[in-house]
Amino acid sequence: MAETLTHDDFLPHLGKEFRFSGWHGVLTLEKVDVRQDRAMPNRTTPPFSAIFYGPRGDVLPEGLYEAKAGDAPGLSFYIMPIHTRAPDRQDYQAVFN
């Protein structure tokens, strides 16, 4: 089983570009939303979501990807495009319970 990712794995990469395996574009990590109020039983870390953004019209399809920020080790996670109100970008969310 893969190692469980925590919000601490993402915090050093805020504002940095991520490259996703099998896709030519890049997404920027905009924020990490930690939900202390929704802690799961028998889990030592709180659930969180990572919010990314990229260009409008060049959408990364929903799926499980290996992602890298610069020279950092790769992270494997499921990401999906989400409703985006801004006309000049596309937002994405990765949720970790």
Foldseek 3Di string as FASTA:
>chain_A
DDDADAVVVCVVQAQFWKDWPPADFIKHFHDKAFDPVQADPPDPGTKIKIKIKDFPPRDDAWDWTFMDGPPDHTDIFTKHWDDDPDPGMTMMMTIGD
